[in-house]
Amino acid sequence: MMVQHRKAFSLITSIFVIVMMATVGILVMNMTSKTIKETTGQYRKEQAVLLAKSYTELAIMAVTANDRPNGCIQKVNGKDIIADSDSGKGYDVVTRIYYIGKDSTANLDGNCDSASILSKDVETDGSDLQIIVDVYVRYKELDNTNADWITYHRRTLQKI
């Protein structure tokens, strides 16, 4: 009779150990899943920050290389960067350029939308024209493409 009692105790012990191991395994998988999601989100945001910096530099180079009396650059946009942005896998970049300064009166009036000229009364030493570059980088979470867009915004003031 004693032998059967020990077998029953061993069975209960082994079931308890299996349940505990399964619980620990589920907990580890849950933590791993959360860590992967956070890391992916952090990576996507860092990519958006780098794209915003790059498009800011591109906008500044485009304005400085442009012959302003012949034209005014107001936008530098990028769509489907790295992958298809509509599917949520890529990035959508919108860049707006606004002009400030005395030079905007002489060189930009006929060529720029009035909304792109913020002020004609600002004077600074060394430069008669400044620009404000607004860059908006939109992206979605990779695992939830039906969610709302996440937008990173960067604003830069640059003397030209």
Protein backbone atom coordinates (compact mmCIF):
# COMPACT_ATOMS: atom_id res chain seq x y z
CA MET A 1 0.00 0.00 0.00
CA MET A 2 2.88 2.30 0.67
CA VAL A 3 4.25 1.94 -2.90
CA GLN A 4 1.01 3.17 -4.51
CA HIS A 5 0.95 6.20 -2.24
CA ARG A 6 4.47 7.17 -3.39
CA LYS A 7 3.52 6.77 -7.08
CA ALA A 8 0.55 9.08 -6.62
CA PHE A 9 2.76 11.66 -4.90
CA SER A 10 5.32 11.48 -7.75
CA LEU A 11 2.55 11.97 -10.32
CA ILE A 12 1.19 15.02 -8.52
CA THR A 13 4.71 16.46 -8.14
CA SER A 14 5.53 15.99 -11.82
CA ILE A 15 2.20 17.60 -12.89
CA PHE A 16 2.93 20.55 -10.60
CA VAL A 17 6.45 20.95 -12.07
CA ILE A 18 5.08 20.81 -15.65
CA VAL A 19 2.47 23.49 -14.84
CA MET A 20 5.13 25.70 -13.25
CA MET A 21 7.48 25.28 -16.23
CA ALA A 22 4.66 26.09 -18.68
CA THR A 23 3.80 29.23 -16.66
CA VAL A 24 7.44 30.37 -16.68
CA GLY A 25 7.65 29.63 -20.43
CA ILE A 26 4.54 31.72 -21.14
CA LEU A 27 5.92 34.55 -19.02
CA VAL A 28 9.26 34.48 -20.88
CA MET A 29 7.51 34.48 -24.28
CA ASN A 30 5.30 37.40 -23.21
CA MET A 31 8.31 39.45 -22.06
CA THR A 32 10.19 38.63 -25.28
CA SER A 33 7.23 39.73 -27.38
CA LYS A 34 6.99 43.06 -25.53
CA THR A 35 10.73 43.65 -25.85
CA ILE A 36 10.64 43.00 -29.60
CA LYS A 37 7.72 45.40 -30.05
CA GLU A 38 9.44 48.16 -28.04
CA THR A 39 12.72 47.67 -29.90
CA THR A 40 10.96 47.82 -33.27
CA GLY A 41 9.10 50.99 -32.24
CA GLN A 42 12.34 52.58 -31.06
CA TYR A 43 14.06 51.65 -34.33
CA ARG A 44 11.20 53.11 -36.42
CA LYS A 45 11.31 56.37 -34.45
CA GLU A 46 15.08 56.62 -34.82
CA GLN A 47 14.71 56.13 -38.58
CA ALA A 48 12.12 58.94 -38.62
CA VAL A 49 14.51 61.26 -36.75
CA LEU A 50 17.32 60.51 -39.22
CA LEU A 51 15.01 61.06 -42.20
CA ALA A 52 13.88 64.40 -40.74
CA LYS A 53 17.49 65.52 -40.35
CA SER A 54 18.31 64.42 -43.90
CA TYR A 55 15.32 66.19 -45.41
CA THR A 56 16.15 69.34 -43.44
CA GLU A 57 19.63 69.34 -44.98
CA LEU A 58 18.17 68.60 -48.42
CA ALA A 59 15.76 71.55 -48.12
CA ILE A 60 18.56 73.91 -47.04
CA MET A 61 20.75 72.75 -49.95
CA ALA A 62 17.84 73.16 -52.38
CA VAL A 63 17.17 76.74 -51.23
CA THR A 64 20.82 77.78 -51.28
CA ALA A 65 21.35 76.26 -54.75
CA ASN A 66 18.17 77.84 -56.13
CA ASP A 67 18.20 81.13 -58.03
CA ARG A 68 15.49 82.83 -55.97
CA PRO A 69 14.46 85.54 -58.43
CA ASN A 70 13.52 82.80 -60.90
CA GLY A 71 11.67 80.56 -58.49
CA CYS A 72 10.81 79.76 -54.94
CA ILE A 73 11.16 76.33 -53.37
CA GLN A 74 8.29 75.68 -50.99
CA LYS A 75 8.25 71.87 -50.64
CA VAL A 76 10.65 68.95 -50.71
CA ASN A 77 8.60 65.79 -50.25
CA GLY A 78 9.34 62.08 -50.24
CA LYS A 79 6.87 59.23 -50.42
CA ASP A 80 7.36 55.49 -50.05
CA ILE A 81 10.83 55.82 -48.55
CA ILE A 82 12.44 52.46 -47.77
CA ALA A 83 9.16 50.64 -48.60
CA ASP A 84 5.53 51.25 -49.48
CA SER A 85 4.28 53.80 -46.92
CA ASP A 86 0.59 53.12 -47.62
CA SER A 87 1.02 49.56 -46.40
CA GLY A 88 2.57 50.91 -43.20
CA LYS A 89 6.03 49.54 -43.88
CA GLY A 90 7.64 52.74 -45.17
CA TYR A 91 7.88 56.42 -44.33
CA ASP A 92 6.10 59.42 -45.78
CA VAL A 93 8.04 62.72 -45.60
CA VAL A 94 6.54 66.19 -46.10
CA THR A 95 8.83 69.24 -45.97
CA ARG A 96 7.58 72.84 -45.99
CA ILE A 97 9.86 75.86 -46.39
CA TYR A 98 8.94 79.34 -45.12
CA TYR A 99 10.91 82.52 -45.80
CA ILE A 100 11.67 85.36 -43.37
CA GLY A 101 13.61 88.55 -44.00
CA LYS A 102 14.22 91.61 -46.15
CA ASP A 103 15.44 89.50 -49.07
CA SER A 104 12.02 87.87 -49.27
CA THR A 105 10.52 91.21 -50.37
CA ALA A 106 12.93 91.71 -53.27
CA ASN A 107 13.43 88.22 -54.55
CA LEU A 108 10.42 86.11 -53.62
CA ASP A 109 7.21 88.12 -53.92
CA GLY A 110 6.32 87.18 -57.47
CA ASN A 111 7.44 83.58 -57.22
CA CYS A 112 6.28 82.40 -53.79
CA ASP A 113 2.89 81.61 -52.37
CA SER A 114 2.06 84.34 -49.83
CA ALA A 115 1.75 81.68 -47.13
CA SER A 116 5.43 80.80 -47.64
CA ILE A 117 6.62 84.32 -46.76
CA LEU A 118 6.20 84.72 -43.01
CA SER A 119 7.76 88.14 -42.51
CA LYS A 120 9.43 90.85 -44.56
CA ASP A 121 10.50 93.00 -41.61
CA VAL A 122 13.16 90.84 -39.95
CA GLU A 123 16.77 92.02 -40.26
CA THR A 124 19.80 90.22 -38.89
CA ASP A 125 23.55 90.73 -39.21
CA GLY A 126 25.15 88.90 -42.08
CA SER A 127 22.03 87.63 -43.84
CA ASP A 128 18.91 89.20 -45.22
CA LEU A 129 17.06 85.92 -45.60
CA GLN A 130 16.23 83.13 -43.18
CA ILE A 131 14.14 80.05 -43.74
CA ILE A 132 12.09 77.88 -41.45
CA VAL A 133 12.09 74.25 -42.50
CA ASP A 134 9.28 72.08 -41.14
CA VAL A 135 9.74 68.36 -41.74
CA TYR A 136 6.99 65.85 -40.96
CA VAL A 137 7.87 62.15 -41.10
CA ARG A 138 4.89 59.78 -40.88
CA TYR A 139 5.00 56.05 -40.29
CA LYS A 140 2.92 53.25 -38.79
CA GLU A 141 3.67 50.46 -36.38
CA LEU A 142 4.80 47.41 -38.33
CA ASP A 143 2.53 44.97 -36.53
CA ASN A 144 -0.56 47.22 -36.61
CA THR A 145 -0.86 48.93 -39.98
CA ASN A 146 -4.53 49.76 -39.33
CA ALA A 147 -3.54 52.07 -36.47
CA ASP A 148 -3.18 55.84 -36.83
CA TRP A 149 -0.05 57.36 -38.32
CA ILE A 150 2.77 58.27 -35.96
CA THR A 151 4.23 61.67 -36.91
CA TYR A 152 7.67 63.00 -36.04
CA HIS A 153 8.06 66.78 -36.56
CA ARG A 154 11.31 68.73 -36.79
CA ARG A 155 11.52 72.53 -37.17
CA THR A 156 14.76 74.29 -38.11
CA LEU A 157 15.59 77.99 -38.52
CA GLN A 158 18.44 78.59 -40.98
CA LYS A 159 20.16 81.75 -42.22
CA ILE A 160 20.68 81.73 -45.98
